[in-house]
Structures are given as structure tokens and as C-alpha cells.
N, C-alpha and C. Protein backbone atom coordinates (compact mmCIF):
# COMPACT_ATOMS: atom_id res chain seq x y z
N UNK A 1 -4.39 -3.21 -21.68
CA UNK A 1 -2.96 -2.47 -20.87
C UNK A 1 -4.27 -1.19 -20.04
N UNK A 2 -5.18 -0.45 -20.93
CA UNK A 2 -5.77 0.52 -20.04
C UNK A 2 -6.70 0.04 -19.06
N UNK A 3 -6.93 -1.11 -19.15
CA UNK A 3 -8.37 -1.41 -17.78
C UNK A 3 -6.71 -1.47 -16.45
N UNK A 4 -5.71 -2.32 -16.64
CA UNK A 4 -4.92 -1.94 -15.60
C UNK A 4 -4.28 -0.96 -15.40
N UNK A 5 -3.85 -0.12 -15.88
CA UNK A 5 -4.07 1.34 -15.33
C UNK A 5 -5.08 2.17 -14.46
N UNK A 6 -6.23 1.67 -14.85
CA UNK A 6 -7.39 1.82 -14.25
C UNK A 6 -7.39 1.49 -12.88
N UNK A 7 -6.88 0.11 -12.74
CA UNK A 7 -6.93 -0.47 -11.30
C UNK A 7 -6.12 -0.31 -10.72
N UNK A 8 -5.21 0.78 -10.85
CA UNK A 8 -4.47 0.96 -10.01
C UNK A 8 -5.34 2.40 -9.06
N UNK A 9 -4.65 1.78 -7.73
CA UNK A 9 -5.03 2.92 -7.11
C UNK A 9 -4.10 3.57 -5.46
N UNK A 10 -3.60 4.46 -5.98
CA UNK A 10 -2.65 5.37 -4.92
C UNK A 10 -3.65 6.06 -3.89
N UNK A 11 -3.05 6.15 -2.43
CA UNK A 11 -3.67 6.80 -1.72
C UNK A 11 -2.76 8.18 -1.42
N UNK A 12 -2.89 9.59 -1.24
CA UNK A 12 -2.20 10.29 -1.36
C UNK A 12 -1.85 10.80 0.08
N UNK A 13 -0.81 11.18 0.28
CA UNK A 13 -0.21 11.64 1.52
C UNK A 13 -1.12 12.39 2.53
N UNK A 14 -2.07 13.42 1.88
CA UNK A 14 -2.69 14.18 2.08
C UNK A 14 -4.12 13.13 2.78
N UNK A 15 -4.42 12.45 2.27
CA UNK A 15 -5.99 11.59 2.51
C UNK A 15 -5.18 10.76 3.36
N UNK A 16 -4.13 9.89 3.13
CA UNK A 16 -3.44 9.03 4.57
C UNK A 16 -3.53 9.87 5.76
N UNK A 17 -2.64 10.91 5.64
CA UNK A 17 -2.94 11.64 7.05
C UNK A 17 -4.25 11.94 7.83
N UNK A 18 -4.89 12.07 7.01
CA UNK A 18 -6.33 12.76 7.85
C UNK A 18 -7.14 11.24 7.92
N UNK A 19 -6.76 10.29 7.21
CA UNK A 19 -7.36 9.22 7.81
C UNK A 19 -6.91 8.28 8.77
N UNK A 20 -5.38 8.76 9.16
CA UNK A 20 -4.43 8.13 10.20
C UNK A 20 -4.75 9.53 11.82
N UNK A 21 -5.16 10.12 11.60
CA UNK A 21 -6.11 11.27 12.43
C UNK A 21 -4.60 12.80 12.79
N UNK A 22 -3.83 12.60 11.70
CA UNK A 22 -2.84 13.79 11.57
C UNK A 22 -3.27 14.94 10.95
N UNK A 23 -2.79 16.62 11.28
CA UNK A 23 -3.86 17.40 10.51
C UNK A 23 -3.32 17.87 9.25
N UNK A 24 -1.76 17.22 8.66
CA UNK A 24 -1.77 17.49 7.68
C UNK A 24 -0.18 16.12 7.27
N UNK A 25 0.04 16.12 6.36
CA UNK A 25 1.39 14.73 5.83
C UNK A 25 2.73 15.78 6.28
N UNK A 26 2.76 16.01 7.88
CA UNK A 26 4.12 16.69 8.25
C UNK A 26 4.78 16.13 8.82
N UNK A 27 5.95 16.22 9.63
CA UNK A 27 6.88 15.30 9.95
C UNK A 27 6.96 14.21 11.27
N UNK A 28 5.39 14.88 12.04
CA UNK A 28 4.94 14.02 12.82
C UNK A 28 4.29 12.22 11.70
N UNK A 29 3.67 12.72 11.30
CA UNK A 29 2.91 11.89 10.31
C UNK A 29 4.11 10.96 9.74
N UNK A 30 5.33 11.55 9.19
CA UNK A 30 6.06 10.64 8.64
C UNK A 30 6.96 9.43 9.11
N UNK A 31 7.32 10.26 10.20
CA UNK A 31 7.95 9.49 11.55
C UNK A 31 7.26 8.09 11.51
N UNK A 32 5.35 8.51 12.09
CA UNK A 32 5.07 7.43 12.28
C UNK A 32 5.04 6.32 11.07
N UNK A 33 4.82 6.95 10.20
CA UNK A 33 4.53 5.74 8.49
C UNK A 33 6.19 5.37 8.71
N UNK A 34 6.93 5.62 9.01
CA UNK A 34 8.60 5.43 9.02
C UNK A 34 8.69 4.03 10.38
N UNK A 35 8.38 4.67 11.22
CA UNK A 35 7.94 3.39 12.64
C UNK A 35 7.42 2.06 11.85
N UNK A 36 6.46 2.38 11.40
CA UNK A 36 5.29 1.34 11.14
C UNK A 36 6.11 0.35 9.71
N UNK A 37 7.29 1.19 8.47
CA UNK A 37 7.62 0.33 7.48
C UNK A 37 6.54 0.84 6.58
N UNK A 38 5.99 2.11 6.43
CA UNK A 38 4.87 2.60 5.47
C UNK A 38 5.78 3.52 4.78
N UNK A 39 5.82 2.73 3.80
CA UNK A 39 6.96 3.81 2.92
C UNK A 39 6.02 4.36 1.71
N UNK A 40 6.67 5.60 0.78
CA UNK A 40 5.63 6.12 -0.35
C UNK A 40 5.87 5.29 -1.69
N UNK A 41 5.32 5.40 -2.75
CA UNK A 41 6.03 4.96 -3.68
C UNK A 41 7.07 5.38 -4.28
N UNK A 42 7.57 4.73 -4.64
CA UNK A 42 8.86 4.63 -5.67
C UNK A 42 8.73 5.82 -6.54
N UNK A 43 9.70 7.03 -5.91
CA UNK A 43 10.10 8.03 -7.03
C UNK A 43 8.59 8.91 -6.64
N UNK A 44 7.95 8.96 -5.83
CA UNK A 44 6.56 9.73 -5.51
C UNK A 44 6.40 10.18 -4.07
N UNK A 45 7.09 10.28 -3.21
CA UNK A 45 6.81 10.54 -2.16
C UNK A 45 5.26 11.07 -1.82
N UNK A 46 4.77 11.59 -2.26
CA UNK A 46 3.15 11.75 -2.12
C UNK A 46 2.33 10.91 -2.12
N UNK A 47 2.39 9.90 -2.77
CA UNK A 47 1.51 8.74 -2.48
C UNK A 47 1.60 7.61 -2.23
N UNK A 48 0.87 6.80 -1.59
CA UNK A 48 1.06 5.48 -1.19
C UNK A 48 0.19 4.62 -1.49
N UNK A 49 1.28 3.10 -1.52
CA UNK A 49 0.16 1.69 -1.56
C UNK A 49 -0.74 1.60 -0.78
N UNK A 50 -2.60 1.52 -0.98
CA UNK A 50 -2.96 1.46 0.18
C UNK A 50 -3.13 -0.21 0.56
N UNK A 51 -2.63 -1.20 0.01
CA UNK A 51 -2.28 -2.73 0.07
C UNK A 51 -1.13 -2.84 1.33
N UNK A 52 -0.18 -1.82 1.01
CA UNK A 52 0.83 -2.00 1.84
C UNK A 52 0.68 -1.51 3.49
N UNK A 53 0.15 -0.04 3.27
CA UNK A 53 -0.69 0.67 4.45
C UNK A 53 -1.50 -0.35 5.13
N UNK A 54 -2.54 -1.12 4.52
CA UNK A 54 -3.45 -1.98 5.47
C UNK A 54 -2.65 -3.06 5.88
N UNK A 55 -1.82 -3.30 5.47
CA UNK A 55 -0.83 -4.73 5.80
C UNK A 55 -0.05 -4.40 6.88
N UNK A 56 0.40 -3.20 6.96
CA UNK A 56 1.18 -2.73 8.22
C UNK A 56 0.87 -2.31 9.19
N UNK A 57 -0.62 -1.77 8.79
CA UNK A 57 -1.72 -1.74 10.17
C UNK A 57 -1.78 -2.56 10.70
N UNK A 58 -2.18 -3.70 9.97
CA UNK A 58 -2.24 -5.38 10.41
C UNK A 58 -1.74 -6.12 11.36
N UNK A 59 -0.39 -5.67 10.91
CA UNK A 59 1.00 -6.03 11.49
C UNK A 59 1.30 -5.45 12.50
N UNK A 60 0.69 -3.95 12.56
CA UNK A 60 0.92 -3.37 14.12
C UNK A 60 0.11 -3.40 15.25
N UNK A 61 -1.01 -4.38 14.34
CA UNK A 61 -1.95 -4.68 15.93
C UNK A 61 -1.99 -5.97 16.35
N UNK A 62 -1.08 -6.38 15.48
CA UNK A 62 -0.95 -7.87 15.81
C UNK A 62 -2.03 -8.68 14.87
N UNK A 63 -2.63 -8.47 13.91
CA UNK A 63 -4.32 -9.25 13.42
C UNK A 63 -2.87 -10.24 12.11
N UNK A 64 -3.46 -11.36 12.32
CA UNK A 64 -2.84 -12.36 10.71
C UNK A 64 -3.49 -11.60 9.83
N UNK A 65 -2.59 -11.75 8.65
CA UNK A 65 -3.03 -11.09 7.31
C UNK A 65 -3.35 -12.20 6.38
N UNK A 66 -4.46 -12.36 6.24
CA UNK A 66 -5.02 -13.73 5.76
C UNK A 66 -5.45 -12.71 4.21
N UNK A 67 -4.41 -13.24 3.51
CA UNK A 67 -4.74 -12.64 1.62
C UNK A 67 -5.79 -13.72 1.08
N UNK A 68 -6.63 -13.42 0.66
CA UNK A 68 -7.44 -14.37 -0.55
C UNK A 68 -6.80 -13.85 -1.76
N UNK A 69 -6.65 -14.80 -2.21
CA UNK A 69 -6.13 -14.99 -3.51
C UNK A 69 -7.56 -14.97 -4.56
N UNK A 70 -8.39 -15.50 -3.94
CA UNK A 70 -9.54 -15.95 -5.32
C UNK A 70 -10.58 -14.59 -5.33
N UNK A 71 -10.20 -13.47 -5.14
CA UNK A 71 -10.41 -12.61 -5.30
C UNK A 71 -10.52 -11.87 -6.79
N UNK A 72 -11.06 -11.37 -7.47
CA UNK A 72 -10.83 -10.66 -8.43
C UNK A 72 -9.74 -10.02 -9.06
N UNK A 73 -9.16 -8.90 -7.99
CA UNK A 73 -8.29 -8.44 -7.83
C UNK A 73 -6.81 -9.31 -7.84
N UNK A 74 -5.44 -9.19 -8.50
CA UNK A 74 -5.02 -10.16 -8.35
C UNK A 74 -3.62 -9.12 -8.15
N UNK A 75 -2.63 -9.57 -7.57
CA UNK A 75 -1.60 -9.27 -6.91
C UNK A 75 -0.54 -8.67 -7.91
N UNK A 76 -0.07 -7.59 -8.31
CA UNK A 76 0.56 -7.78 -9.41
C UNK A 76 1.99 -7.88 -9.72
N UNK A 77 2.71 -7.62 -8.52
CA UNK A 77 3.76 -8.42 -8.02
C UNK A 77 4.08 -9.95 -8.09
N UNK A 78 3.06 -10.42 -7.51
CA UNK A 78 2.44 -12.38 -7.24
C UNK A 78 2.41 -12.47 -9.35
N UNK A 79 2.05 -11.52 -10.32
CA UNK A 79 1.19 -12.09 -11.23
C UNK A 79 2.50 -12.50 -12.20
N UNK A 80 3.80 -11.20 -12.08
CA UNK A 80 4.98 -10.81 -12.56
C UNK A 80 6.15 -12.02 -12.21
N UNK A 81 5.90 -11.91 -10.82
CA UNK A 81 6.84 -13.64 -10.32
C UNK A 81 6.40 -14.66 -10.68
N UNK A 82 4.91 -15.26 -10.94
CA UNK A 82 4.22 -16.28 -11.20
C UNK A 82 5.05 -16.57 -12.90
N UNK A 83 4.81 -15.26 -13.87
CA UNK A 83 5.18 -15.28 -15.20
C UNK A 83 6.66 -15.30 -15.35
N UNK A 84 7.35 -14.99 -14.45
CA UNK A 84 9.04 -15.26 -14.93
C UNK A 84 9.10 -16.34 -14.42
N UNK A 85 8.37 -17.12 -13.32
CA UNK A 85 8.66 -18.63 -12.82
C UNK A 85 8.63 -19.43 -14.03
N UNK A 86 7.66 -19.50 -14.58
CA UNK A 86 6.89 -19.90 -15.86
C UNK A 86 7.96 -19.86 -16.87
N UNK A 87 8.72 -18.81 -16.94
CA UNK A 87 9.95 -19.22 -18.32
C UNK A 87 11.04 -19.89 -18.11
């Protein structure tokens, strides 16, 4: 289990705001995120899932999202759904 916890990466609101060109995670930043459907991690408004951020930015730009399932990094939600479907 320890390896799984180390593999989880989140982006802080400060880092994401700076990466998107905002001075700080202020109301303008939060409004921008809300308009694109970028939501913070549940129960912690200061951290974001980088996969969700990338998917929403790609979607906003009209890019086709092609998810490569052959990579070593598996989606935890998909893995859980597969386990539940197998039961």
C-alpha cells in the first residue's frame, strides 16, 4: 500500500495558479477553474488532480483526449471499477 500512496501526485492551488498565469489562487483563478470544470480534490480546496486539470484543458482547447492504457501508471478509479465488476 505504501507504494500506491507515494504514486499519488496532487497539484497545489498555488502551483496551478502560477502555471496558468495567475498571480495567486484568487477569485479570478477559481472562476476560471469553475468555468472549465476543474474542481479541487474532495474535502481539500487547496489541491487539484493533475489528470483532471490536463483533461479539462485539452477539452477546452478542442483536443482529442487519447488515454494510453498501456502505460505503467494505471487509473485508480478504473482499477476499482474493474475489481467491482469482477465480483
